[in-house]
N, C-alpha and C. Protein backbone atom coordinates (compact mmCIF):
# COMPACT_ATOMS: atom_id res chain seq x y z
N MET A 1 22.85 12.01 -11.73
CA MET A 1 22.44 10.67 -12.05
C MET A 1 20.92 10.67 -12.24
N ARG A 2 20.47 10.07 -13.30
CA ARG A 2 19.04 9.98 -13.55
C ARG A 2 18.54 8.65 -13.02
N GLY A 3 17.48 8.68 -12.29
CA GLY A 3 16.96 7.45 -11.70
C GLY A 3 15.44 7.41 -11.81
N LEU A 4 14.88 6.52 -11.08
CA LEU A 4 13.44 6.35 -11.02
C LEU A 4 12.84 7.53 -10.25
N SER A 5 11.85 8.18 -10.83
CA SER A 5 11.22 9.30 -10.14
C SER A 5 10.18 8.79 -9.16
N PHE A 6 9.81 9.65 -8.22
CA PHE A 6 8.75 9.27 -7.28
C PHE A 6 7.44 9.03 -8.02
N GLY A 7 7.19 9.81 -9.07
CA GLY A 7 5.97 9.62 -9.86
C GLY A 7 5.94 8.25 -10.52
N GLU A 8 7.09 7.81 -11.03
CA GLU A 8 7.17 6.50 -11.68
C GLU A 8 7.00 5.38 -10.66
N LEU A 9 7.60 5.53 -9.49
CA LEU A 9 7.43 4.53 -8.43
C LEU A 9 5.97 4.48 -7.98
N LEU A 10 5.34 5.62 -7.88
CA LEU A 10 3.93 5.70 -7.53
C LEU A 10 3.08 5.01 -8.60
N ASP A 11 3.39 5.27 -9.87
CA ASP A 11 2.64 4.64 -10.96
C ASP A 11 2.76 3.11 -10.91
N TYR A 12 3.98 2.62 -10.67
CA TYR A 12 4.18 1.17 -10.58
C TYR A 12 3.40 0.58 -9.41
N SER A 13 3.47 1.22 -8.27
CA SER A 13 2.75 0.73 -7.09
C SER A 13 1.25 0.70 -7.32
N ALA A 14 0.72 1.75 -7.95
CA ALA A 14 -0.71 1.81 -8.24
C ALA A 14 -1.10 0.74 -9.25
N GLU A 15 -0.26 0.53 -10.26
CA GLU A 15 -0.54 -0.49 -11.26
C GLU A 15 -0.60 -1.88 -10.62
N GLU A 16 0.34 -2.18 -9.77
CA GLU A 16 0.36 -3.49 -9.09
C GLU A 16 -0.87 -3.64 -8.20
N SER A 17 -1.24 -2.59 -7.48
CA SER A 17 -2.43 -2.63 -6.64
C SER A 17 -3.68 -2.89 -7.49
N ASN A 18 -3.76 -2.28 -8.66
CA ASN A 18 -4.90 -2.50 -9.55
C ASN A 18 -4.96 -3.94 -10.04
N HIS A 19 -3.80 -4.53 -10.30
CA HIS A 19 -3.79 -5.95 -10.68
C HIS A 19 -4.36 -6.80 -9.54
N TRP A 20 -3.95 -6.50 -8.31
CA TRP A 20 -4.46 -7.26 -7.17
C TRP A 20 -5.96 -7.05 -6.99
N ARG A 21 -6.43 -5.82 -7.19
CA ARG A 21 -7.88 -5.55 -7.12
C ARG A 21 -8.63 -6.46 -8.10
N ASP A 22 -8.14 -6.52 -9.33
CA ASP A 22 -8.79 -7.36 -10.34
C ASP A 22 -8.70 -8.84 -9.98
N PHE A 23 -7.55 -9.24 -9.44
CA PHE A 23 -7.37 -10.64 -9.03
C PHE A 23 -8.40 -11.03 -7.97
N PHE A 24 -8.58 -10.18 -6.96
CA PHE A 24 -9.51 -10.51 -5.88
C PHE A 24 -10.96 -10.42 -6.32
N LYS A 25 -11.25 -9.65 -7.37
CA LYS A 25 -12.60 -9.68 -7.94
C LYS A 25 -12.88 -11.06 -8.54
N GLN A 26 -11.87 -11.64 -9.17
CA GLN A 26 -12.01 -12.97 -9.78
C GLN A 26 -11.90 -14.09 -8.75
N HIS A 27 -11.19 -13.85 -7.66
CA HIS A 27 -10.94 -14.88 -6.64
C HIS A 27 -11.21 -14.33 -5.24
N PRO A 28 -12.45 -13.95 -4.95
CA PRO A 28 -12.72 -13.35 -3.63
C PRO A 28 -12.42 -14.30 -2.48
N ASP A 29 -12.51 -15.61 -2.72
CA ASP A 29 -12.21 -16.59 -1.68
C ASP A 29 -10.74 -16.55 -1.26
N ALA A 30 -9.87 -16.02 -2.12
CA ALA A 30 -8.45 -15.94 -1.78
C ALA A 30 -8.21 -14.98 -0.61
N LEU A 31 -9.13 -14.04 -0.39
CA LEU A 31 -8.99 -13.12 0.73
C LEU A 31 -9.07 -13.83 2.08
N ASP A 32 -9.68 -15.00 2.11
CA ASP A 32 -9.84 -15.73 3.36
C ASP A 32 -8.82 -16.85 3.55
N VAL A 33 -7.84 -16.92 2.66
CA VAL A 33 -6.78 -17.91 2.80
C VAL A 33 -5.96 -17.57 4.05
N PRO A 34 -5.66 -18.56 4.89
CA PRO A 34 -4.81 -18.30 6.06
C PRO A 34 -3.45 -17.76 5.62
N CYS A 35 -2.92 -16.85 6.43
CA CYS A 35 -1.68 -16.16 6.08
C CYS A 35 -1.04 -15.66 7.36
N ASP A 36 0.28 -15.75 7.46
CA ASP A 36 0.96 -15.24 8.65
C ASP A 36 1.99 -14.15 8.32
N ILE A 37 1.85 -13.52 7.17
CA ILE A 37 2.75 -12.44 6.78
C ILE A 37 2.41 -11.19 7.60
N ALA A 38 3.43 -10.55 8.14
CA ALA A 38 3.28 -9.31 8.91
C ALA A 38 2.32 -9.47 10.09
N GLY A 39 2.32 -10.65 10.69
CA GLY A 39 1.49 -10.88 11.88
C GLY A 39 0.01 -11.01 11.60
N THR A 40 -0.36 -11.26 10.35
CA THR A 40 -1.77 -11.40 10.01
C THR A 40 -2.21 -12.85 10.08
N LYS A 41 -3.53 -13.04 10.06
CA LYS A 41 -4.09 -14.40 10.10
C LYS A 41 -4.69 -14.81 8.76
N THR A 42 -5.05 -13.83 7.94
CA THR A 42 -5.64 -14.12 6.62
C THR A 42 -5.07 -13.15 5.59
N VAL A 43 -5.26 -13.50 4.33
CA VAL A 43 -4.86 -12.62 3.24
C VAL A 43 -5.60 -11.29 3.36
N ARG A 44 -6.87 -11.32 3.72
CA ARG A 44 -7.65 -10.09 3.89
C ARG A 44 -6.98 -9.15 4.89
N GLU A 45 -6.51 -9.71 5.99
CA GLU A 45 -5.82 -8.89 7.00
C GLU A 45 -4.52 -8.31 6.44
N LEU A 46 -3.83 -9.09 5.62
CA LEU A 46 -2.59 -8.57 5.03
C LEU A 46 -2.90 -7.44 4.06
N VAL A 47 -3.93 -7.60 3.23
CA VAL A 47 -4.30 -6.53 2.31
C VAL A 47 -4.70 -5.28 3.10
N LEU A 48 -5.45 -5.47 4.18
CA LEU A 48 -5.81 -4.34 5.04
C LEU A 48 -4.54 -3.67 5.59
N HIS A 49 -3.58 -4.46 6.01
CA HIS A 49 -2.32 -3.92 6.53
C HIS A 49 -1.61 -3.08 5.46
N ILE A 50 -1.52 -3.60 4.24
CA ILE A 50 -0.85 -2.88 3.15
C ILE A 50 -1.55 -1.55 2.91
N VAL A 51 -2.86 -1.60 2.77
CA VAL A 51 -3.63 -0.40 2.45
C VAL A 51 -3.60 0.60 3.62
N ALA A 52 -3.74 0.09 4.83
CA ALA A 52 -3.76 0.98 6.00
C ALA A 52 -2.43 1.73 6.15
N VAL A 53 -1.33 1.06 5.96
CA VAL A 53 -0.02 1.73 6.06
C VAL A 53 0.08 2.82 5.00
N GLN A 54 -0.25 2.48 3.78
CA GLN A 54 -0.20 3.43 2.67
C GLN A 54 -1.11 4.64 2.96
N MET A 55 -2.31 4.36 3.43
CA MET A 55 -3.28 5.41 3.69
C MET A 55 -2.85 6.31 4.85
N ARG A 56 -2.41 5.70 5.93
CA ARG A 56 -2.04 6.48 7.12
C ARG A 56 -0.79 7.33 6.87
N TYR A 57 0.15 6.83 6.07
CA TYR A 57 1.32 7.64 5.74
C TYR A 57 0.94 8.78 4.80
N ALA A 58 0.04 8.53 3.86
CA ALA A 58 -0.43 9.62 3.00
C ALA A 58 -1.11 10.70 3.84
N GLU A 59 -1.91 10.28 4.81
CA GLU A 59 -2.57 11.24 5.70
C GLU A 59 -1.54 12.05 6.48
N ARG A 60 -0.49 11.40 6.95
CA ARG A 60 0.56 12.13 7.68
C ARG A 60 1.22 13.17 6.79
N LEU A 61 1.55 12.76 5.58
CA LEU A 61 2.23 13.67 4.66
C LEU A 61 1.38 14.90 4.35
N LEU A 62 0.07 14.72 4.30
CA LEU A 62 -0.84 15.82 3.97
C LEU A 62 -1.37 16.54 5.22
N ASN A 63 -0.84 16.19 6.37
CA ASN A 63 -1.28 16.79 7.64
C ASN A 63 -2.78 16.61 7.87
N MET A 64 -3.29 15.46 7.49
CA MET A 64 -4.71 15.14 7.68
C MET A 64 -4.87 14.36 8.98
N PRO A 65 -6.08 14.29 9.52
CA PRO A 65 -6.29 13.41 10.68
C PRO A 65 -5.95 11.97 10.28
N ILE A 66 -5.32 11.26 11.18
CA ILE A 66 -4.90 9.88 10.90
C ILE A 66 -6.05 8.93 11.23
N THR A 67 -6.42 8.12 10.25
CA THR A 67 -7.47 7.13 10.44
C THR A 67 -6.97 6.06 11.41
N GLU A 68 -7.74 5.82 12.44
CA GLU A 68 -7.38 4.77 13.41
C GLU A 68 -7.49 3.41 12.72
N PHE A 69 -6.49 2.58 12.91
CA PHE A 69 -6.47 1.27 12.27
C PHE A 69 -7.70 0.46 12.67
N GLU A 70 -8.04 0.47 13.94
CA GLU A 70 -9.17 -0.32 14.42
C GLU A 70 -10.47 0.13 13.77
N THR A 71 -10.66 1.43 13.57
CA THR A 71 -11.84 1.96 12.90
C THR A 71 -11.88 1.46 11.46
N LEU A 72 -10.75 1.46 10.82
CA LEU A 72 -10.65 0.99 9.45
C LEU A 72 -10.97 -0.50 9.36
N ALA A 73 -10.43 -1.28 10.28
CA ALA A 73 -10.67 -2.73 10.29
C ALA A 73 -12.15 -3.04 10.47
N VAL A 74 -12.83 -2.32 11.35
CA VAL A 74 -14.26 -2.54 11.57
C VAL A 74 -15.05 -2.17 10.32
N LYS A 75 -14.71 -1.04 9.72
CA LYS A 75 -15.40 -0.59 8.51
C LYS A 75 -15.27 -1.62 7.40
N ILE A 76 -14.09 -2.14 7.23
CA ILE A 76 -13.83 -3.13 6.17
C ILE A 76 -14.60 -4.42 6.47
N ALA A 77 -14.65 -4.83 7.71
CA ALA A 77 -15.35 -6.06 8.08
C ALA A 77 -16.85 -5.95 7.83
N GLN A 78 -17.41 -4.74 7.89
CA GLN A 78 -18.86 -4.57 7.76
C GLN A 78 -19.32 -4.41 6.32
N GLY A 79 -18.46 -4.01 5.41
CA GLY A 79 -18.88 -3.74 4.03
C GLY A 79 -18.44 -4.83 3.09
N LYS A 80 -18.15 -4.43 1.85
CA LYS A 80 -17.62 -5.35 0.85
C LYS A 80 -16.11 -5.19 0.89
N PRO A 81 -15.45 -6.04 1.66
CA PRO A 81 -14.03 -5.81 1.98
C PRO A 81 -13.11 -5.57 0.79
N GLY A 82 -13.17 -6.40 -0.24
CA GLY A 82 -12.26 -6.22 -1.36
C GLY A 82 -12.45 -4.89 -2.05
N GLU A 83 -13.70 -4.55 -2.35
CA GLU A 83 -13.99 -3.29 -3.03
C GLU A 83 -13.59 -2.10 -2.18
N GLU A 84 -13.93 -2.14 -0.91
CA GLU A 84 -13.61 -1.01 -0.02
C GLU A 84 -12.11 -0.85 0.18
N LEU A 85 -11.41 -1.96 0.34
CA LEU A 85 -9.96 -1.87 0.51
C LEU A 85 -9.30 -1.20 -0.69
N PHE A 86 -9.70 -1.61 -1.87
CA PHE A 86 -9.04 -1.06 -3.05
C PHE A 86 -9.52 0.35 -3.39
N ALA A 87 -10.72 0.73 -2.95
CA ALA A 87 -11.15 2.13 -3.07
C ALA A 87 -10.28 3.00 -2.16
N LEU A 88 -10.00 2.52 -0.95
CA LEU A 88 -9.12 3.25 -0.04
C LEU A 88 -7.70 3.32 -0.59
N SER A 89 -7.26 2.24 -1.20
CA SER A 89 -5.93 2.22 -1.80
C SER A 89 -5.83 3.26 -2.90
N ARG A 90 -6.82 3.29 -3.78
CA ARG A 90 -6.83 4.26 -4.88
C ARG A 90 -6.80 5.70 -4.32
N LYS A 91 -7.60 5.96 -3.30
CA LYS A 91 -7.64 7.29 -2.68
C LYS A 91 -6.28 7.65 -2.08
N SER A 92 -5.64 6.69 -1.43
CA SER A 92 -4.33 7.00 -0.82
C SER A 92 -3.27 7.24 -1.89
N PHE A 93 -3.34 6.55 -3.02
CA PHE A 93 -2.41 6.85 -4.12
C PHE A 93 -2.64 8.27 -4.63
N GLU A 94 -3.92 8.67 -4.73
CA GLU A 94 -4.23 10.04 -5.14
C GLU A 94 -3.67 11.04 -4.13
N ASP A 95 -3.81 10.73 -2.84
CA ASP A 95 -3.27 11.60 -1.80
C ASP A 95 -1.75 11.69 -1.88
N LEU A 96 -1.09 10.55 -2.08
CA LEU A 96 0.37 10.57 -2.21
C LEU A 96 0.80 11.40 -3.42
N ARG A 97 0.08 11.25 -4.52
CA ARG A 97 0.39 12.02 -5.72
C ARG A 97 0.19 13.52 -5.47
N SER A 98 -0.88 13.87 -4.76
CA SER A 98 -1.13 15.28 -4.43
C SER A 98 0.02 15.86 -3.62
N PHE A 99 0.49 15.08 -2.65
CA PHE A 99 1.63 15.56 -1.85
C PHE A 99 2.85 15.75 -2.75
N ALA A 100 3.16 14.74 -3.56
CA ALA A 100 4.36 14.78 -4.39
C ALA A 100 4.33 15.96 -5.36
N ILE A 101 3.18 16.27 -5.91
CA ILE A 101 3.07 17.37 -6.86
C ILE A 101 3.25 18.72 -6.16
N ALA A 102 2.68 18.85 -4.98
CA ALA A 102 2.69 20.14 -4.28
C ALA A 102 3.95 20.39 -3.44
N ALA A 103 4.66 19.34 -3.08
CA ALA A 103 5.77 19.48 -2.14
C ALA A 103 6.97 20.20 -2.76
N ASN A 104 7.57 21.06 -1.96
CA ASN A 104 8.83 21.69 -2.36
C ASN A 104 9.97 20.99 -1.61
N ASP A 105 11.20 21.42 -1.82
CA ASP A 105 12.34 20.76 -1.18
C ASP A 105 12.23 20.76 0.34
N ALA A 106 11.77 21.87 0.89
CA ALA A 106 11.63 21.95 2.36
C ALA A 106 10.58 20.96 2.86
N ASP A 107 9.51 20.79 2.09
CA ASP A 107 8.49 19.80 2.49
C ASP A 107 9.09 18.40 2.50
N TRP A 108 9.80 18.05 1.44
CA TRP A 108 10.39 16.72 1.35
C TRP A 108 11.39 16.46 2.47
N ASP A 109 12.17 17.46 2.81
CA ASP A 109 13.23 17.29 3.80
C ASP A 109 12.75 17.43 5.24
N GLY A 110 11.58 18.04 5.43
CA GLY A 110 11.04 18.20 6.78
C GLY A 110 10.76 16.85 7.42
N THR A 111 10.84 16.80 8.74
CA THR A 111 10.62 15.53 9.44
C THR A 111 9.30 15.53 10.18
N LEU A 112 8.80 14.34 10.39
CA LEU A 112 7.60 14.11 11.18
C LEU A 112 7.95 13.10 12.27
N THR A 113 7.39 13.29 13.43
CA THR A 113 7.49 12.32 14.52
C THR A 113 6.09 11.80 14.76
N PHE A 114 5.96 10.48 14.81
CA PHE A 114 4.62 9.89 14.88
C PHE A 114 4.69 8.52 15.56
N PRO A 115 3.56 8.10 16.14
CA PRO A 115 3.51 6.76 16.73
C PRO A 115 3.23 5.72 15.64
N THR A 116 3.79 4.54 15.80
CA THR A 116 3.48 3.42 14.90
C THR A 116 2.74 2.35 15.71
N ARG A 117 2.13 1.43 15.03
CA ARG A 117 1.40 0.36 15.70
C ARG A 117 2.34 -0.69 16.29
N SER A 118 3.55 -0.83 15.70
CA SER A 118 4.41 -1.94 16.13
C SER A 118 5.83 -1.55 16.53
N ALA A 119 6.25 -0.33 16.20
CA ALA A 119 7.65 0.02 16.43
C ALA A 119 7.83 1.26 17.31
N GLY A 120 6.79 1.62 18.05
CA GLY A 120 6.90 2.80 18.91
C GLY A 120 6.89 4.08 18.11
N GLU A 121 7.49 5.12 18.66
CA GLU A 121 7.52 6.42 18.00
C GLU A 121 8.70 6.49 17.04
N LEU A 122 8.46 7.04 15.86
CA LEU A 122 9.51 7.20 14.86
C LEU A 122 9.59 8.65 14.42
N THR A 123 10.77 9.04 13.97
CA THR A 123 10.97 10.33 13.32
C THR A 123 11.62 10.04 11.98
N ALA A 124 11.04 10.61 10.90
CA ALA A 124 11.58 10.39 9.57
C ALA A 124 11.24 11.59 8.69
N SER A 125 12.05 11.77 7.65
CA SER A 125 11.75 12.84 6.69
C SER A 125 10.52 12.46 5.88
N ARG A 126 9.86 13.46 5.35
CA ARG A 126 8.69 13.19 4.50
C ARG A 126 9.13 12.38 3.27
N ARG A 127 10.33 12.62 2.78
CA ARG A 127 10.84 11.85 1.65
C ARG A 127 10.90 10.36 2.00
N LYS A 128 11.44 10.05 3.16
CA LYS A 128 11.55 8.66 3.59
C LYS A 128 10.16 8.05 3.82
N ILE A 129 9.26 8.81 4.40
CA ILE A 129 7.89 8.33 4.64
C ILE A 129 7.21 8.01 3.31
N PHE A 130 7.36 8.90 2.33
CA PHE A 130 6.76 8.69 1.01
C PHE A 130 7.29 7.39 0.38
N ILE A 131 8.60 7.24 0.38
CA ILE A 131 9.21 6.04 -0.21
C ILE A 131 8.74 4.80 0.54
N HIS A 132 8.71 4.86 1.86
CA HIS A 132 8.26 3.71 2.65
C HIS A 132 6.82 3.34 2.32
N ALA A 133 5.96 4.33 2.17
CA ALA A 133 4.55 4.06 1.87
C ALA A 133 4.42 3.21 0.61
N LEU A 134 5.30 3.43 -0.35
CA LEU A 134 5.22 2.67 -1.60
C LEU A 134 5.98 1.35 -1.53
N LEU A 135 7.21 1.36 -1.01
CA LEU A 135 7.99 0.12 -0.97
C LEU A 135 7.42 -0.91 0.01
N HIS A 136 6.79 -0.45 1.06
CA HIS A 136 6.13 -1.35 2.01
C HIS A 136 5.13 -2.23 1.26
N GLY A 137 4.31 -1.61 0.42
CA GLY A 137 3.34 -2.37 -0.35
C GLY A 137 4.00 -3.31 -1.34
N VAL A 138 5.02 -2.83 -2.05
CA VAL A 138 5.72 -3.67 -3.02
C VAL A 138 6.26 -4.93 -2.34
N ARG A 139 6.85 -4.75 -1.17
CA ARG A 139 7.43 -5.90 -0.45
C ARG A 139 6.34 -6.90 -0.05
N HIS A 140 5.26 -6.40 0.53
CA HIS A 140 4.21 -7.32 0.98
C HIS A 140 3.44 -7.95 -0.19
N TRP A 141 3.22 -7.21 -1.29
CA TRP A 141 2.56 -7.84 -2.44
C TRP A 141 3.43 -8.98 -2.98
N ALA A 142 4.74 -8.81 -2.96
CA ALA A 142 5.64 -9.88 -3.42
C ALA A 142 5.53 -11.10 -2.51
N GLN A 143 5.50 -10.87 -1.21
CA GLN A 143 5.31 -11.99 -0.28
C GLN A 143 3.98 -12.68 -0.53
N LEU A 144 2.95 -11.88 -0.73
CA LEU A 144 1.61 -12.44 -0.94
C LEU A 144 1.54 -13.23 -2.25
N SER A 145 2.20 -12.73 -3.27
CA SER A 145 2.22 -13.42 -4.55
C SER A 145 2.75 -14.85 -4.40
N THR A 146 3.86 -15.00 -3.72
CA THR A 146 4.43 -16.32 -3.48
C THR A 146 3.50 -17.17 -2.63
N HIS A 147 3.00 -16.59 -1.56
CA HIS A 147 2.11 -17.32 -0.65
C HIS A 147 0.88 -17.86 -1.39
N LEU A 148 0.24 -17.02 -2.17
CA LEU A 148 -0.98 -17.46 -2.86
C LEU A 148 -0.68 -18.47 -3.96
N ARG A 149 0.46 -18.33 -4.64
CA ARG A 149 0.84 -19.35 -5.64
C ARG A 149 1.01 -20.71 -4.96
N GLN A 150 1.62 -20.70 -3.78
CA GLN A 150 1.80 -21.96 -3.04
C GLN A 150 0.47 -22.56 -2.59
N LYS A 151 -0.55 -21.73 -2.47
CA LYS A 151 -1.88 -22.19 -2.07
C LYS A 151 -2.77 -22.47 -3.27
N GLY A 152 -2.22 -22.40 -4.49
CA GLY A 152 -2.97 -22.73 -5.69
C GLY A 152 -3.62 -21.55 -6.39
N TYR A 153 -3.28 -20.33 -6.01
CA TYR A 153 -3.85 -19.12 -6.61
C TYR A 153 -2.78 -18.41 -7.43
N LYS A 154 -2.57 -18.90 -8.65
CA LYS A 154 -1.56 -18.30 -9.53
C LYS A 154 -2.12 -17.00 -10.11
N GLN A 155 -1.30 -15.98 -10.14
CA GLN A 155 -1.71 -14.72 -10.73
C GLN A 155 -1.41 -14.74 -12.23
N ASP A 156 -2.20 -13.96 -12.98
CA ASP A 156 -2.06 -13.98 -14.44
C ASP A 156 -1.30 -12.78 -14.99
N TRP A 157 -0.46 -12.16 -14.18
CA TRP A 157 0.36 -11.06 -14.66
C TRP A 157 1.76 -11.20 -14.06
N MET A 158 2.70 -10.56 -14.73
CA MET A 158 4.09 -10.56 -14.26
C MET A 158 4.23 -9.38 -13.30
N HIS A 159 4.77 -9.64 -12.12
CA HIS A 159 4.86 -8.62 -11.08
C HIS A 159 6.08 -7.71 -11.22
N ASP A 160 7.11 -8.16 -11.89
CA ASP A 160 8.35 -7.41 -11.97
C ASP A 160 8.17 -6.07 -12.66
N PHE A 161 8.92 -5.09 -12.21
CA PHE A 161 8.87 -3.74 -12.75
C PHE A 161 9.08 -3.72 -14.26
N ILE A 162 9.97 -4.58 -14.76
CA ILE A 162 10.30 -4.60 -16.18
C ILE A 162 9.07 -4.88 -17.05
N PHE A 163 8.06 -5.55 -16.48
CA PHE A 163 6.85 -5.90 -17.23
C PHE A 163 5.73 -4.87 -17.02
N SER A 164 5.98 -3.86 -16.22
CA SER A 164 4.96 -2.85 -15.96
C SER A 164 4.83 -1.89 -17.14
N GLY A 165 3.78 -1.10 -17.11
CA GLY A 165 3.59 -0.09 -18.13
C GLY A 165 4.33 1.21 -17.83
N VAL A 166 5.12 1.21 -16.78
CA VAL A 166 5.87 2.40 -16.36
C VAL A 166 7.22 2.41 -17.05
N ILE A 167 7.56 3.50 -17.69
CA ILE A 167 8.83 3.70 -18.41
C ILE A 167 8.90 2.75 -19.62
N LYS A 168 9.40 3.23 -20.67
CA LYS A 168 9.56 2.43 -21.90
C LYS A 168 10.76 1.52 -21.80
C-alpha cells in the first residue's frame, strides 16, 4: 500500500509552521492572547509548547542532550520570542529530517525510554516518536487556528493538507 511518506508529513508540518511564523510577524500581539490549550495561559506559551515538544523529540531521536523546557522558556522570554521560537522550530525540522534520512529499519524500530513533563516515563519506538513529533504540532496548530479565529485573528491560508504544496 502506498501512503504518505515521513518526508511528506515533515514537509507539510514545516510548511504549516512557516505559515504561522509569517502570521505572527504580521500579528505579534496575537502571541499574547489568553489561551488554555494544553494547559497554557497564552498563545505564546502554546507555541512554545509545540516547538519544545518537536525539538525535544528530535533531540531524543538524534541522541543529543535534551534541552530543559524551563531553560527554553527563559531563553524565549528574554529575546524576540516569535523569531526565536520559529528559528528553533526550523532547526528541529532539520534535525528530524536528518534522522529520517540516516535511519535504517533497526533505528526506526528501536525503542527509547524517557521522562515526559506531564505523563511520567514512556517507552516508544523511534518511529512512533517521529510521528508524534509531527502530529502533535498539527493537532495543536489546528486548535490554535480555531481559537485565534474566535478571538478575531483570521488566518489568510487554508490549513488543510489538500491545500498544501506537498504532493500534487
